């Protein structure tokens, strides 16, 4: 549905997009994930037609809408945009907002009621925007975007202004609505949890480029670089040397996932791979920090040689406190990168 190749965009001396490439298949939800200033919002604005690109191409369903000598205006791209805050028309009812982009026949067909039901707001058509909560207003904005059945829906951090409880519910409902309607969508976000939990495809962006794109599980478990590993979730990076199929690390000899070139490497482990115990086999460590999150805790451990590692422990794990001496073992293989 969406094909972006070699996209470049600059604002004076500042390069926002530096050869970005992205492919999004029809009917999928892709999340463009990256830190502030990496170019993800500029990418969205170029796809929508709000910005002219300096080089590269954008194609929608096989039709080039941006490229050398080509710039289709936004209203000729058929792309719907859901902004960070719903931006509803305050003088129109919910039904009026949702049906704004529909012709008379489409409004009479029941499409407005259909998409309101999809986003969990059946029967809300007569209400005014000021009578809705922030989460409900965002649901209306999504319904308005879906109503004309656009080839592509762009979501620009639409949940960032909501509290944590609302965000979780709205993410699930919006994802379900997009799938139920067969929509193709691109979500721009800096929230790793949001991208991993919602999307069929995660594209990680850095300095104006897509540095890795794939299924959420692949991006998390098989990051393309230590930077991606750190950005997409918590990462434990350790110096190591390769000895055949294993890596010799401060945590002991660990099996490697895949192959590695060279003897000196940096290995990646995730905190959930760490097993913390008050005794038994494993490397000896001291607890230097304990961050409780309710369902689990992140524990910073200092090994005997001064190396620090992070472990994720559940409530069922024996409780530990700052200053405790524990043992640490590793479950599963490590992933190797060239030495940092």
Protein backbone atom coordinates (compact mmCIF):
# COMPACT_ATOMS: atom_id res chain seq x y z
CA UNK A 1 0.00 0.00 0.00
CA UNK A 2 2.75 2.45 0.98
CA UNK A 3 6.23 2.51 -0.55
CA UNK A 4 8.85 5.07 0.47
CA UNK A 5 12.26 5.04 -1.22
CA UNK A 6 15.29 7.26 -0.56
CA UNK A 7 13.22 10.05 0.96
CA UNK A 8 15.11 13.23 1.79
CA UNK A 9 13.81 16.42 3.38
CA UNK A 10 15.70 19.33 4.94
CA UNK A 11 14.72 22.54 6.68
CA UNK A 12 17.55 24.89 5.83
CA UNK A 13 20.75 23.37 7.28
CA UNK A 14 18.79 20.76 9.29
CA UNK A 15 18.31 17.39 7.59
CA UNK A 16 15.06 15.81 8.79
CA UNK A 17 14.97 12.82 6.43
CA UNK A 18 18.19 11.34 5.10
CA UNK A 19 17.30 8.58 2.64
CA UNK A 20 14.40 6.96 4.49
CA UNK A 21 12.99 3.71 3.07
CA UNK A 22 9.80 1.97 4.18
CA UNK A 23 7.34 -0.58 2.79
CA UNK A 24 3.90 -1.09 4.38
CA UNK A 25 1.67 -3.90 3.13
CA UNK A 26 -2.06 -3.48 2.59
CA UNK A 27 -4.17 -4.12 5.68
CA UNK A 28 -1.34 -3.82 8.19
CA UNK A 29 -0.60 -1.41 11.02
CA UNK A 30 2.99 -0.18 10.91
CA UNK A 31 4.53 1.80 13.76
CA UNK A 32 7.35 4.25 13.06
CA UNK A 33 9.26 4.35 16.34
CA UNK A 34 12.03 6.73 17.21
CA UNK A 35 13.30 9.39 19.64
CA UNK A 36 12.27 13.02 19.44
CA UNK A 37 13.88 14.79 16.49
CA UNK A 38 14.58 11.64 14.47
CA UNK A 39 12.29 12.71 11.58
CA UNK A 40 9.25 10.51 12.15
CA UNK A 41 6.70 13.35 12.14
CA UNK A 42 8.33 14.84 9.05
CA UNK A 43 7.99 11.43 7.38
CA UNK A 44 4.28 11.38 8.21
CA UNK A 45 3.78 14.94 6.92
CA UNK A 46 5.54 14.06 3.65
CA UNK A 47 3.31 11.00 3.18
CA UNK A 48 0.22 13.12 3.89
CA UNK A 49 1.35 15.72 1.35
CA UNK A 50 1.79 18.54 3.86
CA UNK A 51 5.49 18.82 2.97
CA UNK A 52 7.31 18.64 -0.37
CA UNK A 53 10.18 16.17 -0.48
CA UNK A 54 13.59 17.14 -1.82
CA UNK A 55 14.36 13.73 -3.30
CA UNK A 56 13.12 10.18 -3.21
CA UNK A 57 9.62 8.85 -3.93
CA UNK A 58 6.38 8.05 -2.13
CA UNK A 59 3.87 5.68 -3.73
CA UNK A 60 0.37 4.82 -2.56
CA UNK A 61 -1.20 1.65 -3.97
CA UNK A 62 1.23 1.78 -6.89
CA UNK A 63 0.61 5.48 -7.68
CA UNK A 64 3.53 7.87 -7.20
CA UNK A 65 2.34 10.85 -5.18
CA UNK A 66 5.74 12.44 -4.46
CA UNK A 67 8.97 12.32 -6.41
CA UNK A 68 11.01 14.19 -9.01
CA UNK A 69 8.60 16.70 -10.54
CA UNK A 70 5.62 15.17 -8.72
CA UNK A 71 3.71 16.42 -5.70
CA UNK A 72 0.10 15.34 -5.34
CA UNK A 73 -1.70 17.72 -2.93
CA UNK A 74 -3.12 16.24 0.28
CA UNK A 75 -6.73 16.19 -0.92
CA UNK A 76 -5.76 14.08 -3.94
CA UNK A 77 -3.92 11.44 -1.93
CA UNK A 78 -6.94 10.17 -0.02
CA UNK A 79 -4.88 9.87 3.16
CA UNK A 80 -6.55 10.42 6.53
CA UNK A 81 -4.62 11.89 9.46
CA UNK A 82 -5.40 11.51 13.18
CA UNK A 83 -3.44 14.26 15.02
CA UNK A 84 -2.11 14.18 18.58
CA UNK A 85 -5.25 15.87 19.84
CA UNK A 86 -8.48 15.01 18.04
CA UNK A 87 -8.97 18.51 16.55
CA UNK A 88 -12.72 18.02 16.32
CA UNK A 89 -14.96 20.78 15.01
CA UNK A 90 -16.46 22.21 18.23
CA UNK A 91 -19.66 23.42 16.53
CA UNK A 92 -20.50 20.01 15.02
CA UNK A 93 -21.97 16.99 16.77
CA UNK A 94 -20.07 13.72 16.93
CA UNK A 95 -22.03 12.49 13.90
CA UNK A 96 -21.31 15.77 12.10
CA UNK A 97 -17.59 15.42 12.76
CA UNK A 98 -17.46 11.80 11.64
CA UNK A 99 -19.53 12.43 8.53
CA UNK A 100 -17.76 15.65 7.53
CA UNK A 101 -15.78 14.04 4.71
CA UNK A 102 -18.64 11.89 3.40
CA UNK A 103 -21.07 12.70 0.63
CA UNK A 104 -24.81 12.67 1.32
CA UNK A 105 -25.30 9.12 0.10
CA UNK A 106 -22.53 7.80 2.35
CA UNK A 107 -23.96 9.62 5.36
CA UNK A 108 -27.37 8.07 4.69
CA UNK A 109 -25.85 4.61 4.28
CA UNK A 110 -25.19 4.21 7.99
CA UNK A 111 -21.41 4.53 7.68
CA UNK A 112 -21.25 7.08 10.51
CA UNK A 113 -22.98 4.73 12.95
CA UNK A 114 -20.84 1.84 11.69
CA UNK A 115 -17.51 3.50 12.45
CA UNK A 116 -18.73 4.88 15.79
CA UNK A 117 -19.55 1.31 16.79
CA UNK A 118 -16.11 0.19 15.61
CA UNK A 119 -14.40 2.65 17.99
CA UNK A 120 -16.68 1.80 20.91
CA UNK A 121 -19.01 4.81 20.76
CA UNK A 122 -22.38 3.48 19.51
CA UNK A 123 -25.18 5.96 20.15
CA UNK A 124 -22.87 8.95 20.66
CA UNK A 125 -23.76 10.67 17.39
CA UNK A 126 -25.85 13.48 18.93
CA UNK A 127 -23.30 14.51 21.53
CA UNK A 128 -21.08 17.56 21.17
CA UNK A 129 -17.27 17.41 21.48
CA UNK A 130 -17.24 19.33 24.77
CA UNK A 131 -19.42 16.61 26.29
CA UNK A 132 -16.75 13.96 25.66
CA UNK A 133 -13.66 12.94 27.59
CA UNK A 134 -10.23 13.22 25.99
CA UNK A 135 -10.22 9.51 25.20
CA UNK A 136 -13.68 9.69 23.63
CA UNK A 137 -12.62 12.65 21.49
CA UNK A 138 -9.69 10.62 20.15
CA UNK A 139 -12.05 7.75 19.35
CA UNK A 140 -14.21 10.17 17.35
CA UNK A 141 -11.10 11.40 15.51
CA UNK A 142 -10.25 7.81 14.56
CA UNK A 143 -13.86 7.21 13.44
CA UNK A 144 -13.72 10.37 11.29
CA UNK A 145 -10.51 9.13 9.67
CA UNK A 146 -11.99 5.69 8.93
CA UNK A 147 -15.37 6.92 7.67
CA UNK A 148 -14.42 7.58 3.99
CA UNK A 149 -12.46 4.29 3.81
CA UNK A 150 -9.13 5.96 2.92
CA UNK A 151 -6.34 3.83 1.45
CA UNK A 152 -4.08 4.90 4.33
CA UNK A 153 -4.62 6.23 7.86
CA UNK A 154 -1.78 8.16 9.53
CA UNK A 155 -1.80 8.41 13.33
CA UNK A 156 0.50 11.07 14.78
CA UNK A 157 1.09 10.05 18.42
CA UNK A 158 -2.69 10.07 19.03
CA UNK A 159 -2.50 8.75 22.59
CA UNK A 160 0.28 10.94 24.00
CA UNK A 161 -2.05 13.40 25.77
CA UNK A 162 -4.01 10.69 27.63
CA UNK A 163 -3.29 9.15 31.02
CA UNK A 164 -1.81 5.65 31.20
CA UNK A 165 -5.08 3.83 31.90
CA UNK A 166 -6.91 5.44 28.99
CA UNK A 167 -3.97 4.87 26.64
CA UNK A 168 -4.00 1.12 27.15
CA UNK A 169 -7.73 0.74 26.50
CA UNK A 170 -7.72 3.11 23.53
CA UNK A 171 -4.74 1.39 21.89
CA UNK A 172 -6.49 -1.97 21.96
CA UNK A 173 -9.78 -0.55 20.67
CA UNK A 174 -8.18 1.48 17.88
CA UNK A 175 -6.14 -1.52 16.76
CA UNK A 176 -9.29 -3.66 16.71
CA UNK A 177 -11.22 -0.98 14.79
CA UNK A 178 -8.50 -0.65 12.14
CA UNK A 179 -8.38 -4.41 11.64
CA UNK A 180 -12.14 -4.78 11.57
CA UNK A 181 -12.34 -2.13 8.86
CA UNK A 182 -9.44 -3.62 6.87
CA UNK A 183 -7.55 -0.33 7.08
CA UNK A 184 -3.86 0.20 6.37
CA UNK A 185 -2.32 2.50 8.96
CA UNK A 186 0.97 4.07 10.01
CA UNK A 187 1.38 5.04 13.66
CA UNK A 188 4.11 7.51 14.63
CA UNK A 189 5.25 7.13 18.23
CA UNK A 190 8.20 7.38 20.60
CA UNK A 191 6.61 4.87 23.00
CA UNK A 192 8.25 1.45 22.64
CA UNK A 193 5.45 -0.37 24.46
CA UNK A 194 2.85 1.24 22.21
CA UNK A 195 4.68 0.23 19.04
CA UNK A 196 5.40 -3.34 20.15
CA UNK A 197 1.88 -4.02 21.44
CA UNK A 198 -0.14 -2.42 18.63
CA UNK A 199 1.72 -2.86 15.38
CA UNK A 200 2.12 -5.68 12.87
CA UNK A 201 5.35 -4.03 11.74
CA UNK A 202 7.78 -1.80 13.65
CA UNK A 203 10.12 0.55 11.78
CA UNK A 204 12.82 2.03 14.03
CA UNK A 205 14.00 5.47 12.96
CA UNK A 206 17.23 7.27 13.80
CA UNK A 207 18.68 10.49 12.37
CA UNK A 208 16.27 10.58 9.44
CA UNK A 209 16.65 6.92 8.40
CA UNK A 210 14.82 3.68 9.03
CA UNK A 211 17.52 1.55 10.67
CA UNK A 212 15.41 -1.60 11.12
CA UNK A 213 11.94 -2.73 10.10
CA UNK A 214 10.16 -5.98 10.84
CA UNK A 215 7.73 -7.82 13.07
CA UNK A 216 7.72 -6.49 16.67
CA UNK A 217 9.09 -9.75 18.05
CA UNK A 218 11.95 -9.76 15.53
CA UNK A 219 12.92 -6.14 16.24
CA UNK A 220 12.94 -6.84 19.99
CA UNK A 221 14.66 -10.23 19.92
CA UNK A 222 16.97 -9.62 16.97
CA UNK A 223 17.87 -5.92 16.99
CA UNK A 224 20.10 -4.79 14.15
CA UNK A 225 22.50 -2.86 16.40
CA UNK A 226 23.22 -2.11 20.05
CA UNK A 227 21.50 1.27 19.59
CA UNK A 228 18.27 -0.43 18.47
CA UNK A 229 18.61 -2.88 21.35
CA UNK A 230 18.85 -0.02 23.86
CA UNK A 231 16.01 1.95 22.31
CA UNK A 232 13.54 -0.93 21.95
CA UNK A 233 13.28 -2.09 25.55
CA UNK A 234 15.82 -2.52 28.33
CA UNK A 235 19.17 -3.92 27.21
CA UNK A 236 22.12 -5.48 29.02
CA UNK A 237 25.28 -5.09 26.90
CA UNK A 238 28.40 -6.88 28.06
CA UNK A 239 31.95 -7.19 26.70
CA UNK A 240 32.79 -10.76 25.73
CA UNK A 241 35.10 -13.01 23.75
CA UNK A 242 33.95 -15.76 21.44
CA UNK A 243 34.93 -19.33 22.18
CA UNK A 244 33.29 -21.48 19.52
CA UNK A 245 29.50 -21.47 20.00
CA UNK A 246 29.67 -19.59 23.32
CA UNK A 247 30.66 -16.16 24.59
CA UNK A 248 32.82 -15.73 27.65
CA UNK A 249 31.25 -12.88 29.67
CA UNK A 250 31.31 -11.45 33.21
CA UNK A 251 28.22 -13.63 33.77
CA UNK A 252 30.00 -16.78 32.66
CA UNK A 253 29.92 -18.79 29.44
CA UNK A 254 26.76 -18.05 27.47
CA UNK A 255 25.46 -19.74 24.29
CA UNK A 256 25.30 -17.43 21.29
CA UNK A 257 22.26 -16.88 19.11
CA UNK A 258 23.66 -17.02 15.57
CA UNK A 259 27.25 -16.58 14.51
CA UNK A 260 29.80 -13.90 15.25
CA UNK A 261 32.96 -12.76 13.51
CA UNK A 262 36.04 -11.97 15.56
CA UNK A 263 36.99 -12.89 19.09
CA UNK A 264 36.03 -9.64 20.87
CA UNK A 265 32.30 -8.90 20.81
CA UNK A 266 29.54 -7.13 22.69
CA UNK A 267 26.70 -9.42 23.73
CA UNK A 268 23.08 -8.46 24.28
CA UNK A 269 20.85 -9.89 26.97
CA UNK A 270 17.39 -8.74 28.00
CA UNK A 271 16.63 -8.19 31.72
CA UNK A 272 13.97 -10.92 31.65
CA UNK A 273 16.69 -13.44 30.80
CA UNK A 274 18.31 -12.87 34.20
CA UNK A 275 17.51 -15.29 37.01
CA UNK A 276 18.17 -13.82 40.45
CA UNK A 277 18.42 -16.08 43.50
CA UNK A 278 19.56 -15.77 47.09
CA UNK A 279 21.89 -18.72 46.65
CA UNK A 280 22.91 -21.49 44.28
CA UNK A 281 24.85 -21.47 41.03
CA UNK A 282 25.62 -18.30 39.14
CA UNK A 283 27.70 -15.14 39.26
CA UNK A 284 27.77 -13.34 42.60
CA UNK A 285 26.31 -9.83 42.61
CA UNK A 286 25.13 -7.10 44.96
CA UNK A 287 21.79 -5.28 44.61
CA UNK A 288 22.46 -1.55 44.11
CA UNK A 289 19.00 -0.38 42.99
CA UNK A 290 15.46 -1.76 43.12
CA UNK A 291 12.76 -0.08 41.00
CA UNK A 292 9.32 -1.51 41.81
CA UNK A 293 6.69 -1.37 39.02
CA UNK A 294 3.86 -3.34 40.60
CA UNK A 295 3.70 -6.34 38.27
CA UNK A 296 7.49 -6.65 38.30
CA UNK A 297 10.66 -4.85 39.35
CA UNK A 298 13.89 -3.82 37.63
CA UNK A 299 16.91 -4.57 39.76
CA UNK A 300 20.36 -3.14 39.11
CA UNK A 301 23.08 -5.58 40.10
CA UNK A 302 26.82 -5.06 40.45
CA UNK A 303 29.02 -8.06 39.75
CA UNK A 304 32.28 -8.76 41.54
CA UNK A 305 34.36 -7.08 38.80
CA UNK A 306 32.22 -3.92 38.95
CA UNK A 307 30.13 -4.72 35.86
CA UNK A 308 26.48 -3.64 36.26
CA UNK A 309 23.56 -5.60 34.81
CA UNK A 310 19.79 -5.16 35.02
CA UNK A 311 17.38 -7.98 35.88
CA UNK A 312 13.61 -8.04 35.66
CA UNK A 313 12.03 -10.01 38.49
CA UNK A 314 8.40 -10.94 39.14
CA UNK A 315 6.46 -10.98 42.39
CA UNK A 316 6.97 -14.73 42.64
CA UNK A 317 10.75 -14.24 42.77
CA UNK A 318 12.22 -14.24 46.30
CA UNK A 319 12.26 -10.57 47.39
CA UNK A 320 15.56 -8.75 47.34
CA UNK A 321 16.60 -5.40 48.78
CA UNK A 322 19.38 -2.92 48.12
CA UNK A 323 22.61 -4.26 49.59
CA UNK A 324 21.65 -7.95 49.36
CA UNK A 325 24.15 -10.46 48.00
CA UNK A 326 22.56 -12.63 45.27
CA UNK A 327 23.51 -14.97 42.46
CA UNK A 328 22.69 -14.28 38.81
CA UNK A 329 22.29 -16.83 36.04
CA UNK A 330 21.13 -16.42 32.45
CA UNK A 331 18.26 -18.16 30.67
CA UNK A 332 18.52 -18.41 26.89
CA UNK A 333 21.19 -17.37 24.38
CA UNK A 334 22.97 -14.06 24.01
CA UNK A 335 23.11 -12.04 20.78
CA UNK A 336 26.54 -10.86 19.64
CA UNK A 337 27.54 -7.59 17.96
CA UNK A 338 30.94 -6.25 16.98
CA UNK A 339 32.76 -4.97 20.06
CA UNK A 340 31.79 -1.42 21.02
